[in-house]
Amino acid sequence: MKNFSANVRGPRSRYSIGRNNNGYLMLEILMAVAIFSVGFLAVGSLIVSTTRNNTTGNIITQATMLAAEQLQNLKDTPNIATLATGTYTDSNNPIGDQGAPGGIYTRSWTVSDPLNNTTSRRIQVRVSWNRLGQNRAVELTTITRGNGI
């Protein structure tokens, strides 16, 4: 008598391809975590440097505006002959970003007469500050005949 029973195997594992794959899922998870960690560190570094650069740019812009404001005030002098030569400092020093007392900026200016006549003046405005232990400054220079010219 012949045995007609079918050669039936047990149920196959879902991920089995003829070998034991135990532990592959854990290895894939560890690799994904490592890749995401590197990405998150790069993004974190980018955020820190962007914040630092934005702050520095903001401070330089405020200093430039303070210098431009003082330069324009001196250029608007109706009679340039009344603008005495010499070096001056802002009476409100240190000043804030709006020119009011109590900030990080120090503003000074120098008026000179490079042509030795009474028709023009050379004006140099300097705004300086100290941030993170470093001295920084912005200087604007112009030659004017007064009346905003």
C-alpha atoms as a PDB file:
ATOM      1  CA  MET A   1       0.000   0.000   0.000  1.00  0.00           C
ATOM      2  CA  LYS A   2       1.213   3.390  -0.977  1.00  0.00           C
ATOM      3  CA  ASN A   3       1.233   6.437   1.274  1.00  0.00           C
ATOM      4  CA  PHE A   4      -0.785   9.169  -0.412  1.00  0.00           C
ATOM      5  CA  SER A   5      -0.372  11.772   2.296  1.00  0.00           C
ATOM      6  CA  ALA A   6       0.682  15.132   0.947  1.00  0.00           C
ATOM      7  CA  ASN A   7       4.073  16.507   1.798  1.00  0.00           C
ATOM      8  CA  VAL A   8       2.831  19.500   3.788  1.00  0.00           C
ATOM      9  CA  ARG A   9       5.198  21.926   5.402  1.00  0.00           C
ATOM     10  CA  GLY A  10       4.382  24.218   8.277  1.00  0.00           C
ATOM     11  CA  PRO A  11       3.472  27.878   7.682  1.00  0.00           C
ATOM     12  CA  ARG A  12       6.344  29.992   6.395  1.00  0.00           C
ATOM     13  CA  SER A  13       7.512  33.095   8.201  1.00  0.00           C
ATOM     14  CA  ARG A  14       6.381  36.297   6.551  1.00  0.00           C
ATOM     15  CA  TYR A  15       9.906  37.662   6.002  1.00  0.00           C
ATOM     16  CA  SER A  16      11.715  34.378   5.564  1.00  0.00           C
ATOM     17  CA  ILE A  17      13.519  33.807   2.301  1.00  0.00           C
ATOM     18  CA  GLY A  18      15.071  30.515   3.091  1.00  0.00           C
ATOM     19  CA  ARG A  19      17.173  31.700   6.027  1.00  0.00           C
ATOM     20  CA  ASN A  20      16.827  33.068   9.519  1.00  0.00           C
ATOM     21  CA  ASN A  21      16.388  36.882   9.442  1.00  0.00           C
ATOM     22  CA  ASN A  22      16.047  37.489  13.156  1.00  0.00           C
ATOM     23  CA  GLY A  23      17.573  40.891  14.141  1.00  0.00           C
ATOM     24  CA  TYR A  24      17.440  42.622  10.752  1.00  0.00           C
ATOM     25  CA  LEU A  25      14.605  44.905  11.796  1.00  0.00           C
ATOM     26  CA  MET A  26      16.588  46.098  14.820  1.00  0.00           C
ATOM     27  CA  LEU A  27      19.630  46.821  12.648  1.00  0.00           C
ATOM     28  CA  GLU A  28      17.483  48.822  10.218  1.00  0.00           C
ATOM     29  CA  ILE A  29      16.059  50.871  13.074  1.00  0.00           C
ATOM     30  CA  LEU A  30      19.528  51.626  14.454  1.00  0.00           C
ATOM     31  CA  MET A  31      20.749  52.767  11.028  1.00  0.00           C
ATOM     32  CA  ALA A  32      17.701  55.011  10.570  1.00  0.00           C
ATOM     33  CA  VAL A  33      18.226  56.572  14.016  1.00  0.00           C
ATOM     34  CA  ALA A  34      21.898  57.217  13.199  1.00  0.00           C
ATOM     35  CA  ILE A  35      21.034  58.902   9.885  1.00  0.00           C
ATOM     36  CA  PHE A  36      18.317  61.059  11.452  1.00  0.00           C
ATOM     37  CA  SER A  37      20.671  62.035  14.300  1.00  0.00           C
ATOM     38  CA  VAL A  38      23.249  63.363  11.858  1.00  0.00           C
ATOM     39  CA  GLY A  39      20.517  65.302  10.065  1.00  0.00           C
ATOM     40  CA  PHE A  40      19.171  66.806  13.280  1.00  0.00           C
ATOM     41  CA  LEU A  41      22.671  67.857  14.362  1.00  0.00           C
ATOM     42  CA  ALA A  42      23.209  69.586  11.017  1.00  0.00           C
ATOM     43  CA  VAL A  43      19.888  71.435  11.297  1.00  0.00           C
ATOM     44  CA  GLY A  44      20.670  72.450  14.889  1.00  0.00           C
ATOM     45  CA  SER A  45      24.053  73.811  13.861  1.00  0.00           C
ATOM     46  CA  LEU A  46      22.427  75.718  11.004  1.00  0.00           C
ATOM     47  CA  ILE A  47      19.891  77.307  13.361  1.00  0.00           C
ATOM     48  CA  VAL A  48      22.589  78.439  15.790  1.00  0.00           C
ATOM     49  CA  SER A  49      24.768  80.005  13.074  1.00  0.00           C
ATOM     50  CA  THR A  50      21.767  81.671  11.401  1.00  0.00           C
ATOM     51  CA  THR A  51      20.663  83.210  14.691  1.00  0.00           C
ATOM     52  CA  ARG A  52      24.183  84.499  15.386  1.00  0.00           C
ATOM     53  CA  ASN A  53      24.500  86.007  11.893  1.00  0.00           C
ATOM     54  CA  ASN A  54      21.055  87.650  12.085  1.00  0.00           C
ATOM     55  CA  THR A  55      21.934  89.235  15.428  1.00  0.00           C
ATOM     56  CA  THR A  56      25.247  90.533  14.101  1.00  0.00           C
ATOM     57  CA  GLY A  57      23.577  91.928  10.992  1.00  0.00           C
ATOM     58  CA  ASN A  58      20.927  93.645  13.098  1.00  0.00           C
ATOM     59  CA  ILE A  59      23.562  95.306  15.304  1.00  0.00           C
ATOM     60  CA  ILE A  60      25.562  96.518  12.285  1.00  0.00           C
ATOM     61  CA  THR A  61      22.401  97.890  10.664  1.00  0.00           C
ATOM     62  CA  GLN A  62      21.455  99.795  13.827  1.00  0.00           C
ATOM     63  CA  ALA A  63      24.972 101.243  14.109  1.00  0.00           C
ATOM     64  CA  THR A  64      24.911 102.315  10.466  1.00  0.00           C
ATOM     65  CA  MET A  65      21.536 104.006  10.935  1.00  0.00           C
ATOM     66  CA  LEU A  66      22.821 105.875  14.005  1.00  0.00           C
ATOM     67  CA  ALA A  67      25.848 107.094  12.037  1.00  0.00           C
ATOM     68  CA  ALA A  68      23.730 108.083   9.021  1.00  0.00           C
ATOM     69  CA  GLU A  69      21.312 109.998  11.252  1.00  0.00           C
ATOM     70  CA  GLN A  70      24.096 112.062  12.844  1.00  0.00           C
ATOM     71  CA  LEU A  71      25.774 112.610   9.479  1.00  0.00           C
ATOM     72  CA  GLN A  72      22.548 113.944   7.993  1.00  0.00           C
ATOM     73  CA  ASN A  73      21.962 116.222  11.000  1.00  0.00           C
ATOM     74  CA  LEU A  74      25.416 117.754  10.506  1.00  0.00           C
ATOM     75  CA  LYS A  75      24.950 118.068   6.730  1.00  0.00           C
ATOM     76  CA  ASP A  76      21.682 119.957   7.278  1.00  0.00           C
ATOM     77  CA  THR A  77      23.540 122.860   8.938  1.00  0.00           C
ATOM     78  CA  PRO A  78      22.304 126.024   7.120  1.00  0.00           C
ATOM     79  CA  ASN A  79      25.614 127.904   7.294  1.00  0.00           C
ATOM     80  CA  ILE A  80      28.523 125.495   7.074  1.00  0.00           C
ATOM     81  CA  ALA A  81      30.915 128.153   8.393  1.00  0.00           C
ATOM     82  CA  THR A  82      29.213 127.808  11.793  1.00  0.00           C
ATOM     83  CA  LEU A  83      30.153 124.129  11.958  1.00  0.00           C
ATOM     84  CA  ALA A  84      33.356 124.271  13.988  1.00  0.00           C
ATOM     85  CA  THR A  85      36.154 121.845  13.245  1.00  0.00           C
ATOM     86  CA  GLY A  86      37.102 119.320  15.914  1.00  0.00           C
ATOM     87  CA  THR A  87      36.167 115.978  17.417  1.00  0.00           C
ATOM     88  CA  TYR A  88      32.881 115.568  19.276  1.00  0.00           C
ATOM     89  CA  THR A  89      31.107 112.807  21.190  1.00  0.00           C
ATOM     90  CA  ASP A  90      27.401 112.282  21.673  1.00  0.00           C
ATOM     91  CA  SER A  91      26.263 113.652  25.025  1.00  0.00           C
ATOM     92  CA  ASN A  92      23.983 110.625  25.495  1.00  0.00           C
ATOM     93  CA  ASN A  93      26.766 108.000  25.176  1.00  0.00           C
ATOM     94  CA  PRO A  94      26.340 105.103  25.440  1.00  0.00           C
ATOM     95  CA  ILE A  95      23.249 105.180  23.259  1.00  0.00           C
ATOM     96  CA  GLY A  96      20.649 102.637  22.190  1.00  0.00           C
ATOM     97  CA  ASP A  97      19.416 101.791  18.716  1.00  0.00           C
ATOM     98  CA  GLN A  98      17.114 104.858  18.679  1.00  0.00           C
ATOM     99  CA  GLY A  99      19.787 107.299  19.880  1.00  0.00           C
ATOM    100  CA  ALA A 100      18.434 107.459  23.431  1.00  0.00           C
ATOM    101  CA  PRO A 101      20.781 107.029  26.403  1.00  0.00           C
ATOM    102  CA  GLY A 102      21.458 103.525  27.690  1.00  0.00           C
ATOM    103  CA  GLY A 103      22.597 101.192  24.946  1.00  0.00           C
ATOM    104  CA  ILE A 104      25.698  99.501  23.597  1.00  0.00           C
ATOM    105  CA  TYR A 105      26.774 102.109  21.044  1.00  0.00           C
ATOM    106  CA  THR A 106      29.203 105.026  21.381  1.00  0.00           C
ATOM    107  CA  ARG A 107      28.856 107.749  18.736  1.00  0.00           C
ATOM    108  CA  SER A 108      31.484 110.358  17.900  1.00  0.00           C
ATOM    109  CA  TRP A 109      32.234 112.570  14.930  1.00  0.00           C
ATOM    110  CA  THR A 110      35.049 114.651  13.525  1.00  0.00           C
ATOM    111  CA  VAL A 111      34.556 117.827  11.504  1.00  0.00           C
ATOM    112  CA  SER A 112      37.510 119.076   9.475  1.00  0.00           C
ATOM    113  CA  ASP A 113      38.194 121.656   6.790  1.00  0.00           C
ATOM    114  CA  PRO A 114      40.301 119.831   4.179  1.00  0.00           C
ATOM    115  CA  LEU A 115      40.294 122.749   1.700  1.00  0.00           C
ATOM    116  CA  ASN A 116      41.017 125.456   4.298  1.00  0.00           C
ATOM    117  CA  ASN A 117      38.037 127.562   3.324  1.00  0.00           C
ATOM    118  CA  THR A 118      34.593 128.258   4.714  1.00  0.00           C
ATOM    119  CA  THR A 119      32.574 126.644   1.912  1.00  0.00           C
ATOM    120  CA  SER A 120      32.875 122.978   2.827  1.00  0.00           C
ATOM    121  CA  ARG A 121      33.494 120.553   5.687  1.00  0.00           C
ATOM    122  CA  ARG A 122      34.593 116.944   5.858  1.00  0.00           C
ATOM    123  CA  ILE A 123      32.461 115.031   8.367  1.00  0.00           C
ATOM    124  CA  GLN A 124      33.353 111.592   9.674  1.00  0.00           C
ATOM    125  CA  VAL A 125      30.892 109.845  12.035  1.00  0.00           C
ATOM    126  CA  ARG A 126      31.978 106.750  13.969  1.00  0.00           C
ATOM    127  CA  VAL A 127      29.667 104.435  15.903  1.00  0.00           C
ATOM    128  CA  SER A 128      31.455 101.779  17.947  1.00  0.00           C
ATOM    129  CA  TRP A 129      30.374  98.978  20.272  1.00  0.00           C
ATOM    130  CA  ASN A 130      31.770  95.966  22.105  1.00  0.00           C
ATOM    131  CA  ARG A 131      30.104  92.587  21.687  1.00  0.00           C
ATOM    132  CA  LEU A 132      31.370  89.239  22.904  1.00  0.00           C
ATOM    133  CA  GLY A 133      34.707  90.800  23.816  1.00  0.00           C
ATOM    134  CA  GLN A 134      35.322  92.274  20.358  1.00  0.00           C
ATOM    135  CA  ASN A 135      35.387  95.982  19.525  1.00  0.00           C
ATOM    136  CA  ARG A 136      33.485  96.822  16.352  1.00  0.00           C
ATOM    137  CA  ALA A 137      32.808 100.105  14.574  1.00  0.00           C
ATOM    138  CA  VAL A 138      31.022 101.666  11.615  1.00  0.00           C
ATOM    139  CA  GLU A 139      32.384 104.850  10.016  1.00  0.00           C
ATOM    140  CA  LEU A 140      30.646 107.094   7.494  1.00  0.00           C
ATOM    141  CA  THR A 141      32.427 110.028   5.834  1.00  0.00           C
ATOM    142  CA  THR A 142      31.205 112.813   3.581  1.00  0.00           C
ATOM    143  CA  ILE A 143      32.159 116.259   2.334  1.00  0.00           C
ATOM    144  CA  THR A 144      29.350 118.804   2.582  1.00  0.00           C
ATOM    145  CA  ARG A 145      28.617 122.413   1.714  1.00  0.00           C
ATOM    146  CA  GLY A 146      25.734 122.599   4.202  1.00  0.00           C
ATOM    147  CA  ASN A 147      21.971 122.779   3.644  1.00  0.00           C
ATOM    148  CA  GLY A 148      21.905 119.005   3.093  1.00  0.00           C
ATOM    149  CA  ILE A 149      24.253 119.210   0.092  1.00  0.00           C
END
